[in-house]
Structures are given as structure tokens and as C-alpha cells.
Amino acid sequence: MEKQKTFAGPVETRGIGLHTGVDVNLKLRPAPENTGYIFVRTDLDNFEIPASAEYISRCSYATTLLRNGVMLSTCEHLLSALSGAGIDNCFIDLDNIEVPILDGSSEDFIGLIEKAGVKEQDAPRRYFRIKEKVAFEDGDRKMSVEPSERYEIECLIDFPHPFINTQTYHFVFENGSFMKEIASARTFGFTQEIEMLRKANLARGGSLENAIVLTPEGMLNEQPLRFKDEFVRHKILDIIGDFALLGMPLKGKIKAEKSGHSIHASLMSKLLKTEGAWEIIDH
């Protein structure tokens, strides 16, 4: 029987928020069994926001949690790393509104987790097991989750850009696969979107250090792509981060086609409301 895991000790870093451009200090701390992931706003009297689907407030260009008027934004890349590294319980201290973007992937967060070290706990690990297929569609954006004895994700993206076009990837969570295949895939955006995002007070901390920026014909970054299909791999990274808000690892297969944060949230909401479609198990 697998046991729950937390950190062996605390670890910290600092960076800027992708959308707000604010400086933020981040600290990961061990937490007791069955705690899950809890964000702690140290700038607001240690106000706690559990990483739970019930607190999702909006999902335009990032996933934002809101509890009693207190907000925590862009949590998906950190949650993806915690999930990918098999961490079940931790406190996440932040002194600002947004999780730092670091290099735009989950790789730096994985480095932090490795630095902290992982400690096994006594309680058995719990899983969110899918028993029946649940699907959500919005035009040509589709997503479903169905029974599987392992956690797997099949993803398709389609952007009219020479570096992307149609990309598909089938990811299976197994020994170290997240670190090898997904963790280092960076977030991406298009130059034609940047002006619109800035007008909406978003992407204020965005730079070539923390995102792939695509021009109509190519990209602004001088560094090469980390994978030929880095774009679809990053979408899978986002899916893993958002589905970590279910509170425990998934046993099921996700299929996503042209999905995004709002589709992920809609599917999770529908899933949680569908009686008999899921159960919590500890084996």
C-alpha cells in the first residue's frame, strides 16, 4: 500500500507573478497527513486557501482561487509539480496575490521539491477513482474523464502557427515520467495577444525568461524549444495542475481537445456533481 508523502523540511524561493508583475516570496513546508495542499497568505495574517476545486473563481489565462474575498492566482504550475512529484500534503506560504512564474514551467518547482527532500508518512495515499465517464463540451473544445487503473492524459491542441499546428500527446503517470516528459514544458503566448493582455492588466510580469513568445512566423526566444511538441506538453502540465484541485491523485483517463483552464474547471465541477461517477479509495 502506498503511503502519503510530504517534505522532509522547508524550502523557499522568490520570483515575480506572470500576470501581476509583483515580487513574491514562496515557501513550501511539510504538512500533516490528510492535509492536502494549503496556500497560506502570509501577508494577510496567514489566511489559508485550500487547493480545492470549490474555490476556483476564474480561469481566463490562469487558474485563480478565491476564499472569503482573498485571492490566489496562477497556481497551476506549482500544483502540477507537487502532483508530479507525488507530494500529498504541504503548506505553501506566499506574501502576495500570485504564485511566482519562475521559468514558465514546473521544472524550477521540481528542483525546490528535490532540495527539500520527500518524507513518507504513516497514512495510506488516497486516490480519486473515476467509475463512470463524464464529459464536457463547449463548441469544439472538449474534455472527458473515464475509468482507468492508472492516471493518463490524452491531449490534442490545434493552433494555426507553423511551430504548433496540430499536436497530440498521450501521457501516463509512472516512475519519473512527469519529470522526464512534462515538467520542463513552458507556457506560451502570441505577440498579437500581448497588447490585449496588457490592456486587461495581465501578463505584466511576462518575459522571454518565463514564456515562449510566438510571432506570426516564429518565436522571439533565442533559446530553442525544449521539445518539438513543447506546446501540447505544457497543456498537459496545466491539466495536471488544475486536476490537482480534486485533492488527491486521479485514477482515470482524461481526454482533452483544445481545452483550457475554464474547460478543466467546468469538467471538474460536473464530475464532482455527478453521483456515482467517482469514489475515494486508498489502494
Protein backbone atom coordinates (compact mmCIF):
# COMPACT_ATOMS: atom_id res chain seq x y z
CA MET A 1 0.00 0.00 0.00
CA GLU A 2 1.39 3.41 -0.97
CA LYS A 3 1.88 5.92 1.82
CA GLN A 4 1.25 9.67 1.76
CA LYS A 5 4.25 11.96 1.36
CA THR A 6 5.24 15.44 2.50
CA PHE A 7 8.51 17.41 2.58
CA ALA A 8 11.42 16.48 4.80
CA GLY A 9 11.89 20.18 5.59
CA PRO A 10 11.01 23.70 4.41
CA VAL A 11 12.39 25.26 1.24
CA GLU A 12 11.93 28.71 -0.27
CA THR A 13 12.39 30.83 -3.37
CA ARG A 14 11.26 34.14 -4.77
CA GLY A 15 10.17 35.40 -8.16
CA ILE A 16 7.63 37.54 -9.96
CA GLY A 17 4.00 36.92 -10.84
CA LEU A 18 3.36 36.36 -14.55
CA HIS A 19 0.17 38.43 -14.70
CA THR A 20 0.64 40.93 -11.85
CA GLY A 21 4.39 41.50 -12.21
CA VAL A 22 4.65 41.67 -8.38
CA ASP A 23 7.58 40.24 -6.38
CA VAL A 24 6.59 37.26 -4.29
CA ASN A 25 8.33 35.08 -1.72
CA LEU A 26 7.30 31.42 -1.74
CA LYS A 27 7.97 28.84 0.95
CA LEU A 28 6.99 25.15 0.88
CA ARG A 29 6.59 23.47 4.29
CA PRO A 30 5.76 19.94 5.48
CA ALA A 31 2.14 19.31 6.48
CA PRO A 32 0.42 16.52 8.47
CA GLU A 33 -1.29 13.53 6.85
CA ASN A 34 -4.59 14.19 5.04
CA THR A 35 -3.93 17.95 4.85
CA GLY A 36 -3.64 18.19 1.07
CA TYR A 37 -2.16 21.39 -0.37
CA ILE A 38 -2.91 24.61 1.52
CA PHE A 39 -1.91 28.08 0.33
CA VAL A 40 -1.12 30.46 3.20
CA ARG A 41 -1.18 34.23 2.50
CA THR A 42 1.48 35.34 4.98
CA ASP A 43 0.80 38.99 4.07
CA LEU A 44 -2.80 38.59 5.25
CA ASP A 45 -2.48 37.14 8.78
CA ASN A 46 -1.69 33.67 7.41
CA PHE A 47 -5.09 33.35 5.75
CA GLU A 48 -5.48 29.81 4.37
CA ILE A 49 -6.85 28.89 0.94
CA PRO A 50 -7.04 25.10 0.41
CA ALA A 51 -6.10 23.99 -3.12
CA SER A 52 -9.61 22.75 -3.84
CA ALA A 53 -11.90 22.86 -6.88
CA GLU A 54 -14.59 24.50 -4.75
CA TYR A 55 -12.51 27.70 -4.54
CA ILE A 56 -11.89 28.14 -8.28
CA SER A 57 -13.07 31.66 -9.12
CA ARG A 58 -11.88 32.40 -12.63
CA CYS A 59 -9.81 30.77 -15.29
CA SER A 60 -9.11 33.09 -18.19
CA TYR A 61 -5.33 32.87 -18.64
CA ALA A 62 -4.54 31.16 -15.33
CA THR A 63 -6.38 29.38 -12.52
CA THR A 64 -7.36 31.69 -9.67
CA LEU A 65 -8.65 30.57 -6.27
CA LEU A 66 -10.85 32.77 -4.10
CA ARG A 67 -11.91 32.23 -0.49
CA ASN A 68 -13.74 34.84 1.59
CA GLY A 69 -12.61 37.57 -0.80
CA VAL A 70 -8.93 36.54 -0.62
CA MET A 71 -7.39 35.62 -3.96
CA LEU A 72 -4.53 33.39 -5.05
CA SER A 73 -3.65 33.34 -8.73
CA THR A 74 -1.68 31.24 -11.25
CA CYS A 75 -1.39 28.17 -9.02
CA GLU A 76 -1.39 25.52 -11.77
CA HIS A 77 2.37 25.12 -12.47
CA LEU A 78 3.24 24.65 -8.78
CA LEU A 79 0.33 22.26 -8.21
CA SER A 80 1.42 20.31 -11.29
CA ALA A 81 4.92 19.92 -9.83
CA LEU A 82 3.60 18.81 -6.42
CA SER A 83 1.29 16.30 -8.07
CA GLY A 84 4.00 15.12 -10.48
CA ALA A 85 6.49 14.63 -7.64
CA GLY A 86 3.99 12.58 -5.60
CA ILE A 87 3.62 15.08 -2.74
CA ASP A 88 0.29 14.66 -0.91
CA ASN A 89 0.49 17.24 1.87
CA CYS A 90 2.14 20.66 2.17
CA PHE A 91 1.71 24.26 3.21
CA ILE A 92 2.54 26.87 0.55
CA ASP A 93 3.38 30.26 2.09
CA LEU A 94 3.14 33.33 -0.18
CA ASP A 95 3.32 37.03 0.63
CA ASN A 96 1.42 38.24 -2.44
CA ILE A 97 -1.52 37.50 -4.71
CA GLU A 98 0.21 35.29 -7.31
CA VAL A 99 2.46 32.21 -7.35
CA PRO A 100 5.81 33.17 -8.96
CA ILE A 101 6.11 32.08 -12.59
CA LEU A 102 9.87 31.22 -12.37
CA ASP A 103 10.80 29.87 -15.84
CA GLY A 104 7.20 29.32 -17.03
CA SER A 105 7.26 25.55 -16.50
CA SER A 106 7.25 23.26 -13.44
CA GLU A 107 10.96 22.46 -13.62
CA ASP A 108 12.15 25.00 -11.01
CA PHE A 109 9.42 23.85 -8.61
CA ILE A 110 10.62 20.25 -9.06
CA GLY A 111 14.13 21.48 -8.21
CA LEU A 112 12.76 23.04 -5.00
CA ILE A 113 10.96 19.82 -4.07
CA GLU A 114 14.15 17.82 -4.60
CA LYS A 115 16.06 20.31 -2.45
CA ALA A 116 13.50 19.99 0.37
CA GLY A 117 13.53 16.19 0.23
CA VAL A 118 10.49 13.93 0.49
CA LYS A 119 9.32 12.16 3.65
CA GLU A 120 6.93 9.20 3.78
CA GLN A 121 4.06 9.43 6.25
CA ASP A 122 2.08 6.70 8.01
CA ALA A 123 -1.33 7.18 6.38
CA PRO A 124 -2.16 5.37 3.12
CA ARG A 125 -2.30 7.53 -0.02
CA ARG A 126 -5.86 8.23 -1.15
CA TYR A 127 -6.93 8.27 -4.80
CA PHE A 128 -9.81 9.93 -6.64
CA ARG A 129 -11.00 6.97 -8.75
CA ILE A 130 -13.22 7.51 -11.79
CA LYS A 131 -16.08 4.98 -12.05
CA GLU A 132 -18.08 6.42 -14.98
CA LYS A 133 -17.26 8.63 -17.94
CA VAL A 134 -18.12 12.31 -17.55
CA ALA A 135 -17.70 14.76 -20.47
CA PHE A 136 -17.94 18.50 -21.03
CA GLU A 137 -18.06 20.37 -24.35
CA ASP A 138 -18.05 24.00 -25.36
CA GLY A 139 -18.14 24.26 -29.16
CA ASP A 140 -15.05 22.48 -30.48
CA ARG A 141 -13.40 22.49 -27.02
CA LYS A 142 -13.95 19.09 -25.44
CA MET A 143 -12.83 17.25 -22.35
CA SER A 144 -13.77 13.99 -20.65
CA VAL A 145 -12.59 11.72 -17.88
CA GLU A 146 -13.23 7.96 -17.82
CA PRO A 147 -12.22 4.90 -15.79
CA SER A 148 -8.61 3.67 -15.93
CA GLU A 149 -6.43 1.84 -13.43
CA ARG A 150 -3.72 4.48 -13.89
CA TYR A 151 -3.57 8.25 -14.32
CA GLU A 152 -3.27 9.08 -18.03
CA ILE A 153 -3.95 12.08 -20.23
CA GLU A 154 -4.54 12.21 -23.97
CA CYS A 155 -4.35 15.78 -25.26
CA LEU A 156 -4.82 17.44 -28.64
CA ILE A 157 -4.14 21.11 -29.42
CA ASP A 158 -4.57 22.96 -32.70
CA PHE A 159 -3.18 26.44 -33.36
CA PRO A 160 -2.67 27.92 -36.85
CA HIS A 161 1.04 28.54 -36.27
CA PRO A 162 4.00 26.89 -38.08
CA PHE A 163 5.58 25.78 -34.78
CA ILE A 164 2.35 24.20 -33.46
CA ASN A 165 -0.46 23.29 -35.91
CA THR A 166 -1.99 20.06 -34.56
CA GLN A 167 -0.08 18.36 -31.73
CA THR A 168 -1.15 15.31 -29.75
CA TYR A 169 0.44 13.61 -26.77
CA HIS A 170 -0.52 10.63 -24.61
CA PHE A 171 0.96 10.90 -21.13
CA VAL A 172 0.94 8.16 -18.48
CA PHE A 173 1.91 8.85 -14.87
CA GLU A 174 4.56 6.27 -13.98
CA ASN A 175 8.04 6.24 -12.43
CA GLY A 176 9.54 9.66 -13.06
CA SER A 177 7.56 10.25 -16.27
CA PHE A 178 6.38 13.70 -15.17
CA MET A 179 9.96 14.92 -14.65
CA LYS A 180 11.16 13.46 -17.97
CA GLU A 181 8.26 14.33 -20.27
CA ILE A 182 6.24 17.23 -18.84
CA ALA A 183 7.89 19.30 -16.08
CA SER A 184 10.14 21.46 -18.29
CA ALA A 185 7.48 22.42 -20.90
CA ARG A 186 7.00 26.20 -20.74
CA THR A 187 3.92 28.33 -21.03
CA PHE A 188 3.46 30.13 -24.35
CA GLY A 189 1.69 33.11 -25.85
CA PHE A 190 1.35 35.03 -29.10
CA THR A 191 2.67 38.53 -29.82
CA GLN A 192 -0.76 39.56 -31.15
CA GLU A 193 -2.30 38.68 -27.74
CA ILE A 194 0.20 40.62 -25.66
CA GLU A 195 -1.29 44.08 -26.27
CA MET A 196 -4.76 42.79 -25.38
CA LEU A 197 -3.44 41.07 -22.22
CA ARG A 198 -1.59 44.20 -21.09
CA LYS A 199 -4.75 46.30 -21.58
CA ALA A 200 -6.54 43.79 -19.33
CA ASN A 201 -3.75 44.22 -16.74
CA LEU A 202 -2.45 40.71 -17.43
CA ALA A 203 0.98 39.33 -18.43
CA ARG A 204 2.68 42.29 -16.70
CA GLY A 205 5.48 40.00 -15.47
CA GLY A 206 5.77 38.08 -18.74
CA SER A 207 9.16 37.96 -20.49
CA LEU A 208 11.29 35.73 -22.67
CA GLU A 209 12.72 34.35 -19.40
CA ASN A 210 9.39 32.79 -18.41
CA ALA A 211 7.39 32.14 -21.58
CA ILE A 212 7.69 31.14 -25.21
CA VAL A 213 6.54 34.18 -27.20
CA LEU A 214 5.37 33.34 -30.71
CA THR A 215 5.37 35.78 -33.61
CA PRO A 216 3.16 35.03 -36.65
CA GLU A 217 6.06 33.16 -38.35
CA GLY A 218 8.30 32.02 -35.50
CA MET A 219 9.27 32.94 -31.94
CA LEU A 220 11.07 35.79 -30.17
CA ASN A 221 13.04 33.50 -27.82
CA GLU A 222 16.64 32.80 -28.78
CA GLN A 223 16.68 29.61 -26.70
CA PRO A 224 15.39 26.64 -28.72
CA LEU A 225 12.26 24.71 -27.84
CA ARG A 226 12.84 22.12 -25.12
CA PHE A 227 10.72 19.58 -27.06
CA LYS A 228 9.46 19.72 -30.63
CA ASP A 229 5.95 19.37 -29.16
CA GLU A 230 6.59 21.54 -26.06
CA PHE A 231 3.22 23.25 -26.55
CA VAL A 232 0.99 20.20 -26.09
CA ARG A 233 3.21 19.01 -23.23
CA HIS A 234 2.62 22.33 -21.47
CA LYS A 235 -1.14 21.90 -21.90
CA ILE A 236 -0.81 18.54 -20.13
CA LEU A 237 1.19 20.27 -17.37
CA ASP A 238 -1.72 22.71 -16.95
CA ILE A 239 -4.27 19.86 -16.87
CA ILE A 240 -2.30 18.04 -14.14
CA GLY A 241 -2.07 21.27 -12.12
CA ASP A 242 -5.77 22.04 -12.40
CA PHE A 243 -6.86 18.47 -11.64
CA ALA A 244 -4.68 18.52 -8.51
CA LEU A 245 -7.55 20.67 -7.17
CA LEU A 246 -9.55 17.44 -6.77
CA GLY A 247 -7.38 16.99 -3.67
CA MET A 248 -5.70 13.69 -4.42
CA PRO A 249 -4.13 11.79 -7.34
CA LEU A 250 -6.50 10.63 -10.06
CA LYS A 251 -7.13 7.08 -11.18
CA GLY A 252 -8.68 7.72 -14.55
CA LYS A 253 -8.05 8.79 -18.12
CA ILE A 254 -8.50 12.40 -19.21
CA LYS A 255 -9.08 13.21 -22.88
CA ALA A 256 -8.71 16.85 -23.85
CA GLU A 257 -9.21 18.56 -27.19
CA LYS A 258 -8.48 22.31 -27.46
CA SER A 259 -9.16 22.64 -23.75
CA GLY A 260 -8.09 25.41 -21.37
CA HIS A 261 -8.39 26.33 -17.69
CA SER A 262 -12.11 27.16 -17.90
CA ILE A 263 -12.88 23.80 -19.57
CA HIS A 264 -10.85 21.96 -16.91
CA ALA A 265 -12.83 23.75 -14.17
CA SER A 266 -16.17 23.02 -15.86
CA LEU A 267 -15.37 19.32 -16.20
CA MET A 268 -14.24 19.05 -12.57
CA SER A 269 -17.40 20.81 -11.40
CA LYS A 270 -19.60 18.47 -13.46
CA LEU A 271 -17.63 15.42 -12.27
CA LEU A 272 -17.96 16.33 -8.58
CA LYS A 273 -21.72 16.81 -9.00
CA THR A 274 -22.23 13.50 -10.85
CA GLU A 275 -23.25 10.99 -8.21
CA GLY A 276 -21.69 7.56 -8.65
CA ALA A 277 -19.10 8.76 -11.19
CA TRP A 278 -16.22 8.65 -8.69
CA GLU A 279 -15.08 7.31 -5.33
CA ILE A 280 -12.18 7.84 -2.95
CA ILE A 281 -10.02 4.78 -2.35
CA ASP A 282 -6.75 4.12 -0.54
CA HIS A 283 -5.24 1.33 -2.62
